[in-house]
Structure formats: C-alpha cells, structure tokens
Amino acid sequence: MVPIKLFEQKKVRTHWELKEEQWYFSIIDVVSVLTDTSNPRDYWFKMKVRVKLEDGIELSTICRQFKMQATDGKMRETDCANTQQLLRIIQSIPSPKAEPFKQWLAKTGYERMQEISDPSQSIDRARENWQKLGRSEKWIQQRMTGQEKLNNLRFTNDDLRMTILNRNSYLVNRT
C-alpha cells in the first residue's frame, strides 16, 4: 500500500525510497493542495513550461517517477519530488496557499546565512528547537556536551591520522 499524508484534509501520495532513505511526494497532489485547481496535472504541465521559459530551469529533471495508485485504482507513473526538490517547486507556484511555505523558506534561508556568519547562533537555535520539542534542560545540556566530546574525539583522531601519515611519509622518503 502507498502511504498517504494529509495536508489541509487533502491526500498527498508518498513513496519511501529505501536506498536513499527519504520520502518522495506526488507533485500533482501537492499542486492540487496549494492551488485549488480543478486539473492539477494540467497545472503541473503548464508550470513546467512556464518555469523553463522564465527561469531556464527544467523542473522535470529534478523529479523522479514512481508508480502510485491513481484515482481509478490503477498503478501509474507519477512525478514525485523529495523534500528539497518539492520546496524548490513550491517556490514556483504563484498561489496564496503557497505563500506561507515561501515565507518559511525565506526565513529559514536567512537564519542559515546568519548561522554561517556567526556559528554560535546555530547552537542557540538548536537549544530553542529542542525546548520547543519538550526536551528538558538537562537533556539539552547532555546532548550539547556529548556533541562537544564527539567533536573533540574527531579532532583527536584526525590529528593521530596526520601524525601516522607524516611518520610513514618520512620513513618512505628516508629510504
């Protein structure tokens, strides 16, 4: 059975790709949810043409096709996108329903750029997100301390590897 996700009481067909360990979503279903069009398949076709003309991007090249159960009960090849690809496609949907997604993408992108310029902000944001998920202060502190220890261990192992490589290189060059 193909898993179904609900968004605003509308079905979105999904496919779990085991090799990649990620979800794929039916683009036509997402288009239907975000546009209220009577013909999402036609909307998707016209949108691909429009985006190619305006932006020079071929949206169908970022999609994959999976067999999904159609409304007539038959299994049909369906254009699907993973989360990253789907977010790109949503950016091209000129619909008021897509606007909250676009605003969230802009906010997330801005926050990520801030974190790159000041990495301490990513630590603060991680703490806030864990608090929103209901994690205790003790849990958060243990998690952050554990991550710091893991990072230090990685640095130690990298230093050890470099020392061994340098020693081996010295021995090879000496002979």
Protein backbone atom coordinates (compact mmCIF):
# COMPACT_ATOMS: atom_id res chain seq x y z
CA MET A 1 0.00 0.00 0.00
CA VAL A 2 1.21 3.51 -0.82
CA PRO A 3 1.34 5.74 2.26
CA ILE A 4 -0.90 8.78 2.20
CA LYS A 5 -0.22 12.05 4.00
CA LEU A 6 -2.97 14.56 4.71
CA PHE A 7 -2.48 18.27 4.25
CA GLU A 8 -5.48 20.56 4.84
CA GLN A 9 -7.71 17.47 4.58
CA LYS A 10 -6.37 16.61 1.11
CA LYS A 11 -4.42 13.47 0.28
CA VAL A 12 -0.79 13.62 -0.79
CA ARG A 13 0.58 10.30 -2.01
CA THR A 14 4.08 9.46 -0.82
CA HIS A 15 6.80 6.94 -1.56
CA TRP A 16 9.62 5.91 0.78
CA GLU A 17 12.82 5.31 -1.20
CA LEU A 18 14.71 2.78 0.88
CA LYS A 19 18.11 3.13 -0.83
CA GLU A 20 18.14 6.93 -0.36
CA GLU A 21 16.25 6.80 2.94
CA GLN A 22 13.97 9.69 2.05
CA TRP A 23 10.35 10.43 1.24
CA TYR A 24 9.09 11.40 -2.19
CA PHE A 25 5.78 13.22 -2.64
CA SER A 26 3.38 13.26 -5.58
CA ILE A 27 3.84 16.66 -7.20
CA ILE A 28 0.36 16.64 -8.69
CA ASP A 29 -1.14 16.09 -5.22
CA VAL A 30 0.89 18.98 -3.77
CA VAL A 31 -0.12 21.22 -6.69
CA SER A 32 -3.74 20.32 -6.01
CA VAL A 33 -3.42 21.25 -2.34
CA LEU A 34 -1.65 24.56 -2.97
CA THR A 35 -3.62 25.84 -5.97
CA ASP A 36 -7.22 24.58 -5.74
CA THR A 37 -7.02 23.94 -9.49
CA SER A 38 -9.59 21.61 -11.00
CA ASN A 39 -6.88 19.97 -13.11
CA PRO A 40 -3.58 19.66 -11.18
CA ARG A 41 -1.98 17.52 -13.91
CA ASP A 42 -2.54 20.28 -16.49
CA TYR A 43 -1.38 22.93 -13.99
CA TRP A 44 1.87 20.98 -13.41
CA PHE A 45 2.44 20.62 -17.16
CA LYS A 46 1.91 24.36 -17.79
CA MET A 47 4.02 25.26 -14.78
CA LYS A 48 6.97 23.24 -16.11
CA VAL A 49 6.71 25.08 -19.44
CA ARG A 50 6.43 28.49 -17.74
CA VAL A 51 9.39 27.91 -15.43
CA LYS A 52 11.53 26.69 -18.32
CA LEU A 53 10.72 29.82 -20.33
CA GLU A 54 11.10 32.29 -17.43
CA ASP A 55 13.93 30.75 -15.41
CA GLY A 56 15.54 28.33 -17.84
CA ILE A 57 15.04 25.51 -15.34
CA GLU A 58 13.65 22.17 -16.44
CA LEU A 59 11.64 21.10 -13.38
CA SER A 60 11.05 17.60 -14.74
CA THR A 61 14.80 16.92 -14.49
CA ILE A 62 14.72 17.27 -10.70
CA CYS A 63 11.81 14.84 -10.38
CA ARG A 64 11.60 11.08 -10.22
CA GLN A 65 8.73 8.88 -11.27
CA PHE A 66 7.26 6.20 -9.06
CA LYS A 67 4.23 4.01 -9.57
CA MET A 68 1.42 5.25 -7.38
CA GLN A 69 -2.21 4.32 -7.19
CA ALA A 70 -4.31 6.70 -9.29
CA THR A 71 -7.92 7.64 -8.56
CA ASP A 72 -9.07 4.86 -10.92
CA GLY A 73 -7.22 2.32 -8.76
CA LYS A 74 -4.51 1.60 -11.33
CA MET A 75 -0.81 1.98 -10.61
CA ARG A 76 0.57 4.81 -12.77
CA GLU A 77 3.94 6.52 -13.14
CA THR A 78 3.70 9.75 -11.14
CA ASP A 79 6.10 12.71 -10.98
CA CYS A 80 7.50 12.86 -7.46
CA ALA A 81 9.96 15.03 -5.60
CA ASN A 82 11.88 14.66 -2.37
CA THR A 83 11.60 17.38 0.26
CA GLN A 84 14.37 19.60 -1.13
CA GLN A 85 13.07 19.32 -4.69
CA LEU A 86 9.50 19.88 -3.56
CA LEU A 87 10.46 23.08 -1.76
CA ARG A 88 12.06 24.32 -5.00
CA ILE A 89 8.89 23.51 -6.93
CA ILE A 90 6.69 25.26 -4.35
CA GLN A 91 8.75 28.44 -4.91
CA SER A 92 7.40 28.47 -8.49
CA ILE A 93 3.73 28.17 -7.56
CA PRO A 94 2.07 31.61 -7.73
CA SER A 95 -0.68 30.92 -5.22
CA PRO A 96 -1.69 32.49 -1.91
CA LYS A 97 -1.69 29.00 -0.37
CA ALA A 98 1.98 28.56 -1.33
CA GLU A 99 2.96 31.88 0.24
CA PRO A 100 3.38 30.56 3.83
CA PHE A 101 5.83 27.95 2.52
CA LYS A 102 7.75 30.61 0.60
CA GLN A 103 7.93 32.86 3.66
CA TRP A 104 9.14 29.94 5.77
CA LEU A 105 11.80 29.13 3.15
CA ALA A 106 12.98 32.75 3.11
CA LYS A 107 13.11 32.88 6.92
CA THR A 108 14.95 29.57 7.15
CA GLY A 109 17.44 30.61 4.47
CA TYR A 110 18.08 33.92 6.23
CA GLU A 111 18.59 32.18 9.58
CA ARG A 112 21.00 29.70 8.00
CA MET A 113 23.03 32.56 6.48
CA GLN A 114 23.20 34.18 9.93
CA GLU A 115 24.41 30.91 11.43
CA ILE A 116 27.16 30.63 8.82
CA SER A 117 28.44 34.11 9.67
CA ASP A 118 28.06 33.51 13.44
CA PRO A 119 28.05 29.78 14.32
CA SER A 120 27.05 30.46 17.93
CA GLN A 121 23.59 31.33 16.61
CA SER A 122 23.13 27.75 15.38
CA ILE A 123 23.83 26.50 18.90
CA ASP A 124 21.26 28.92 20.33
CA ARG A 125 18.73 27.90 17.67
CA ALA A 126 19.33 24.20 18.37
CA ARG A 127 18.68 24.84 22.06
CA GLU A 128 15.44 26.70 21.22
CA ASN A 129 14.28 23.92 18.90
CA TRP A 130 14.95 21.22 21.49
CA GLN A 131 13.00 23.27 24.05
CA LYS A 132 10.08 23.53 21.60
CA LEU A 133 10.22 19.74 21.24
CA GLY A 134 9.79 19.48 25.00
CA ARG A 135 13.32 18.40 25.88
CA SER A 136 14.47 19.16 29.41
CA GLU A 137 17.38 21.49 30.14
CA LYS A 138 19.30 18.50 31.49
CA TRP A 139 18.72 16.56 28.24
CA ILE A 140 19.78 19.55 26.15
CA GLN A 141 22.95 20.07 28.18
CA GLN A 142 23.86 16.37 27.94
CA ARG A 143 23.24 16.42 24.19
CA MET A 144 25.41 19.50 23.67
CA THR A 145 28.16 18.16 25.92
CA GLY A 146 28.04 14.82 24.13
CA GLN A 147 28.36 16.56 20.76
CA GLU A 148 31.33 18.57 22.01
CA LYS A 149 33.06 15.39 23.21
CA LEU A 150 32.37 13.71 19.86
CA ASN A 151 33.83 16.70 18.00
CA ASN A 152 36.94 16.63 20.21
CA LEU A 153 37.31 12.90 19.59
CA ARG A 154 37.10 13.50 15.83
CA PHE A 155 39.81 16.17 16.04
CA THR A 156 42.00 13.83 18.11
CA ASN A 157 41.56 11.02 15.57
CA ASP A 158 42.33 13.39 12.70
CA ASP A 159 45.50 14.56 14.48
CA LEU A 160 46.51 10.94 15.07
CA ARG A 161 45.92 10.06 11.41
CA MET A 162 48.01 13.04 10.27
CA THR A 163 50.82 12.06 12.65
CA ILE A 164 50.82 8.49 11.30
CA LEU A 165 50.71 9.71 7.69
CA ASN A 166 53.55 12.14 8.29
CA ARG A 167 55.63 9.45 10.04
CA ASN A 168 55.01 6.97 7.19
CA SER A 169 55.83 9.62 4.62
CA TYR A 170 59.07 10.42 6.49
CA LEU A 171 60.03 6.75 6.59
CA VAL A 172 59.30 6.26 2.88
CA ASN A 173 61.24 9.37 1.88
CA ARG A 174 64.19 8.39 4.09
CA THR A 175 64.81 5.10 2.34
